[in-house]
Amino acid sequence: MLVLNCSTKLLILEKMLKSCFPESLKVYGAVMNINRGNPFQKEVVLDSWPDFKAVITRRQREAETDNLDHYTNAYAVFYKDVRAYRQLLEECDVFNWNQVFQIQGLQSELYDVSKAVANSKQLNVKLTSFKAVHLSPVSTLPDTSFASIGLLKSLHAEFLPCRFHRLILTPATFFGLPHL
């Protein structure tokens, strides 16, 4: 595990991630925010540099946290090799397994690998998954109070070749407690 905190390397990483769209989108957004003042107090964890196979963004360890808030305890994941992601997932210092948190990403193996490791740690896993969409620029948008396939087609939307996955993981000690 390597925490990347050099500003030059973070800018290079941002460019590298941009070339891997759409799968890298969640991590790219987090790295872009880090490079522009880091308002969400995130940091980057990699398996290696510069030839990384997996990259994870997480809340900085020194940032104040609420163990029940899966929104601020969010991890974004992008990997070129799912085995490298699994190895980072299994390392004890990468994820805080003692809090409710979420893992976000746009790659197909993300759910299965994350769920397998979470199950081995006796965590409850809830999955939300949906198709990612790219909207072409339009001058005026119609009423979007309801979403439908017809509406997306009228906006010339394209479905991206990946799904957005969000896993909310809950340690056994928090079962039954309300989530924020």
Protein backbone atom coordinates (compact mmCIF):
# COMPACT_ATOMS: atom_id res chain seq x y z
CA MET A 1 0.00 0.00 0.00
CA LEU A 2 1.23 3.45 -0.91
CA VAL A 3 -0.42 6.76 0.04
CA LEU A 4 0.16 9.22 -2.78
CA ASN A 5 0.50 12.77 -1.45
CA CYS A 6 2.96 14.44 -3.85
CA SER A 7 1.11 17.20 -5.74
CA THR A 8 3.03 16.53 -8.97
CA LYS A 9 2.24 12.81 -8.86
CA LEU A 10 -1.42 13.55 -8.09
CA LEU A 11 -1.64 15.75 -11.21
CA ILE A 12 -0.05 12.97 -13.26
CA LEU A 13 -2.51 10.47 -11.77
CA GLU A 14 -5.42 12.73 -12.71
CA LYS A 15 -4.29 12.69 -16.36
CA MET A 16 -3.75 8.92 -16.26
CA LEU A 17 -7.25 8.35 -14.87
CA LYS A 18 -8.83 10.61 -17.48
CA SER A 19 -7.50 8.29 -20.17
CA CYS A 20 -9.41 5.37 -18.56
CA PHE A 21 -12.93 6.84 -18.73
CA PRO A 22 -15.64 5.88 -18.03
CA GLU A 23 -14.49 3.18 -15.58
CA SER A 24 -12.17 5.54 -13.66
CA LEU A 25 -14.74 8.33 -13.33
CA LYS A 26 -15.39 8.06 -9.55
CA VAL A 27 -11.68 8.01 -8.66
CA TYR A 28 -10.89 10.69 -11.26
CA GLY A 29 -13.45 13.03 -9.66
CA ALA A 30 -11.98 12.51 -6.20
CA VAL A 31 -8.40 13.06 -7.42
CA MET A 32 -9.50 16.17 -9.33
CA ASN A 33 -10.99 17.57 -6.10
CA ILE A 34 -7.82 16.73 -4.17
CA ASN A 35 -5.81 18.65 -6.78
CA ARG A 36 -8.13 21.65 -6.41
CA GLY A 37 -7.95 22.23 -2.68
CA ASN A 38 -9.20 18.91 -1.31
CA PRO A 39 -12.49 20.19 0.15
CA PHE A 40 -13.63 16.66 1.09
CA GLN A 41 -10.41 15.71 2.91
CA LYS A 42 -9.61 12.72 0.70
CA GLU A 43 -6.37 10.86 0.04
CA VAL A 44 -5.20 8.37 -2.58
CA VAL A 45 -4.04 4.82 -1.89
CA LEU A 46 -2.32 2.80 -4.63
CA ASP A 47 -0.79 -0.63 -4.92
CA SER A 48 2.29 0.87 -6.65
CA TRP A 49 3.51 3.95 -8.51
CA PRO A 50 3.65 4.88 -11.38
CA ASP A 51 2.48 1.56 -12.85
CA PHE A 52 -0.48 1.12 -10.53
CA LYS A 53 -2.97 -1.69 -10.94
CA ALA A 54 -5.46 -0.42 -8.33
CA VAL A 55 -6.23 2.99 -6.87
CA ILE A 56 -8.60 3.85 -4.03
CA THR A 57 -9.61 7.24 -2.68
CA ARG A 58 -10.67 7.50 0.94
CA ARG A 59 -11.17 10.01 3.72
CA GLN A 60 -7.88 11.20 5.22
CA ARG A 61 -7.10 9.29 8.40
CA GLU A 62 -6.65 12.52 10.37
CA ALA A 63 -10.05 13.90 9.25
CA GLU A 64 -12.89 13.86 11.75
CA THR A 65 -15.31 11.02 11.06
CA ASP A 66 -18.69 9.75 12.13
CA ASN A 67 -18.63 5.94 12.20
CA LEU A 68 -22.29 5.76 11.09
CA ASP A 69 -22.06 8.17 8.13
CA HIS A 70 -21.52 6.13 4.97
CA TYR A 71 -21.58 9.32 2.86
CA THR A 72 -18.41 10.82 4.32
CA ASN A 73 -16.91 7.36 4.82
CA ALA A 74 -16.90 6.72 1.07
CA TYR A 75 -14.20 4.96 -0.93
CA ALA A 76 -13.92 5.27 -4.72
CA VAL A 77 -12.24 2.41 -6.57
CA PHE A 78 -10.61 1.94 -9.96
CA TYR A 79 -8.44 -1.01 -10.93
CA LYS A 80 -6.65 -2.35 -13.96
CA ASP A 81 -6.19 -5.72 -12.27
CA VAL A 82 -8.95 -6.98 -9.99
CA ARG A 83 -6.43 -9.08 -8.01
CA ALA A 84 -4.55 -5.91 -7.03
CA TYR A 85 -7.84 -4.38 -5.84
CA ARG A 86 -8.63 -7.49 -3.82
CA GLN A 87 -5.18 -7.36 -2.23
CA LEU A 88 -5.69 -3.71 -1.19
CA LEU A 89 -9.16 -4.60 0.08
CA GLU A 90 -7.74 -7.37 2.25
CA GLU A 91 -4.94 -5.22 3.73
CA CYS A 92 -5.84 -4.06 7.23
CA ASP A 93 -4.80 -0.41 6.81
CA VAL A 94 -6.62 0.56 3.60
CA PHE A 95 -10.28 0.38 4.72
CA ASN A 96 -11.71 1.17 8.14
CA TRP A 97 -13.72 -1.99 8.74
CA ASN A 98 -14.99 -0.68 12.09
CA GLN A 99 -17.37 1.88 10.58
CA VAL A 100 -20.28 1.97 8.17
CA PHE A 101 -18.88 2.92 4.76
CA GLN A 102 -19.53 2.70 1.06
CA ILE A 103 -17.45 1.60 -1.90
CA GLN A 104 -18.17 3.24 -5.25
CA GLY A 105 -16.95 2.27 -8.69
CA LEU A 106 -17.87 1.51 -12.27
CA GLN A 107 -16.33 -1.91 -12.89
CA SER A 108 -18.11 -5.23 -13.16
CA GLU A 109 -16.09 -7.28 -10.66
CA LEU A 110 -16.28 -4.60 -7.94
CA TYR A 111 -19.38 -6.04 -6.27
CA ASP A 112 -18.36 -9.70 -6.22
CA VAL A 113 -14.84 -9.07 -4.93
CA SER A 114 -15.94 -6.50 -2.33
CA LYS A 115 -18.80 -8.71 -1.13
CA ALA A 116 -16.54 -11.76 -0.76
CA VAL A 117 -14.03 -9.86 1.39
CA ALA A 118 -16.81 -8.14 3.38
CA ASN A 119 -18.49 -11.50 4.05
CA SER A 120 -15.21 -12.90 5.38
CA LYS A 121 -15.19 -9.99 7.84
CA GLN A 122 -18.87 -10.55 8.73
CA LEU A 123 -20.13 -7.26 7.30
CA ASN A 124 -23.61 -6.71 5.93
CA VAL A 125 -23.49 -5.53 2.28
CA LYS A 126 -26.23 -3.59 0.50
CA LEU A 127 -25.80 -2.98 -3.24
CA THR A 128 -27.18 -0.17 -5.36
CA SER A 129 -26.38 -0.48 -9.05
CA PHE A 130 -27.54 1.45 -12.07
CA LYS A 131 -26.59 2.14 -15.66
CA ALA A 132 -24.38 5.17 -16.21
CA VAL A 133 -25.59 7.70 -18.79
CA HIS A 134 -23.81 10.36 -20.86
CA LEU A 135 -25.92 13.34 -21.91
CA SER A 136 -25.06 15.32 -25.02
CA PRO A 137 -25.03 19.10 -24.49
CA VAL A 138 -28.49 20.59 -25.09
CA SER A 139 -29.63 24.20 -24.97
CA THR A 140 -32.87 23.56 -23.07
CA LEU A 141 -33.83 20.59 -20.95
CA PRO A 142 -37.38 19.25 -20.81
CA ASP A 143 -39.12 18.51 -17.51
CA THR A 144 -36.92 15.91 -15.82
CA SER A 145 -39.04 15.38 -12.71
CA PHE A 146 -39.45 11.79 -13.88
CA ALA A 147 -36.80 9.74 -15.61
CA SER A 148 -37.59 7.30 -18.37
CA ILE A 149 -35.88 5.62 -21.28
CA GLY A 150 -37.98 7.77 -23.65
CA LEU A 151 -36.79 10.95 -21.94
CA LEU A 152 -33.17 9.84 -22.16
CA LYS A 153 -33.56 9.04 -25.87
CA SER A 154 -35.13 12.46 -26.50
CA LEU A 155 -32.09 14.07 -24.85
CA HIS A 156 -29.78 11.98 -27.07
CA ALA A 157 -28.39 10.25 -24.00
CA GLU A 158 -26.02 7.34 -24.43
CA PHE A 159 -25.71 4.50 -21.97
CA LEU A 160 -22.09 4.04 -21.02
CA PRO A 161 -20.62 0.53 -21.28
CA CYS A 162 -20.51 0.16 -17.49
CA ARG A 163 -22.70 0.23 -14.41
CA PHE A 164 -22.29 2.43 -11.35
CA HIS A 165 -22.03 0.31 -8.20
CA ARG A 166 -22.39 1.56 -4.64
CA LEU A 167 -21.95 -0.92 -1.81
CA ILE A 168 -22.85 0.10 1.73
CA LEU A 169 -20.99 -2.06 4.24
CA THR A 170 -22.09 -2.31 7.85
CA PRO A 171 -20.07 -4.03 10.61
CA ALA A 172 -22.01 -6.38 12.87
CA THR A 173 -21.63 -3.95 15.79
CA PHE A 174 -23.84 -1.44 13.92
CA PHE A 175 -26.61 -3.84 12.74
CA GLY A 176 -29.97 -2.36 13.60
CA LEU A 177 -28.70 1.18 14.15
CA PRO A 178 -30.17 3.87 11.84
CA HIS A 179 -27.94 5.10 8.99
CA LEU A 180 -27.57 8.77 8.13
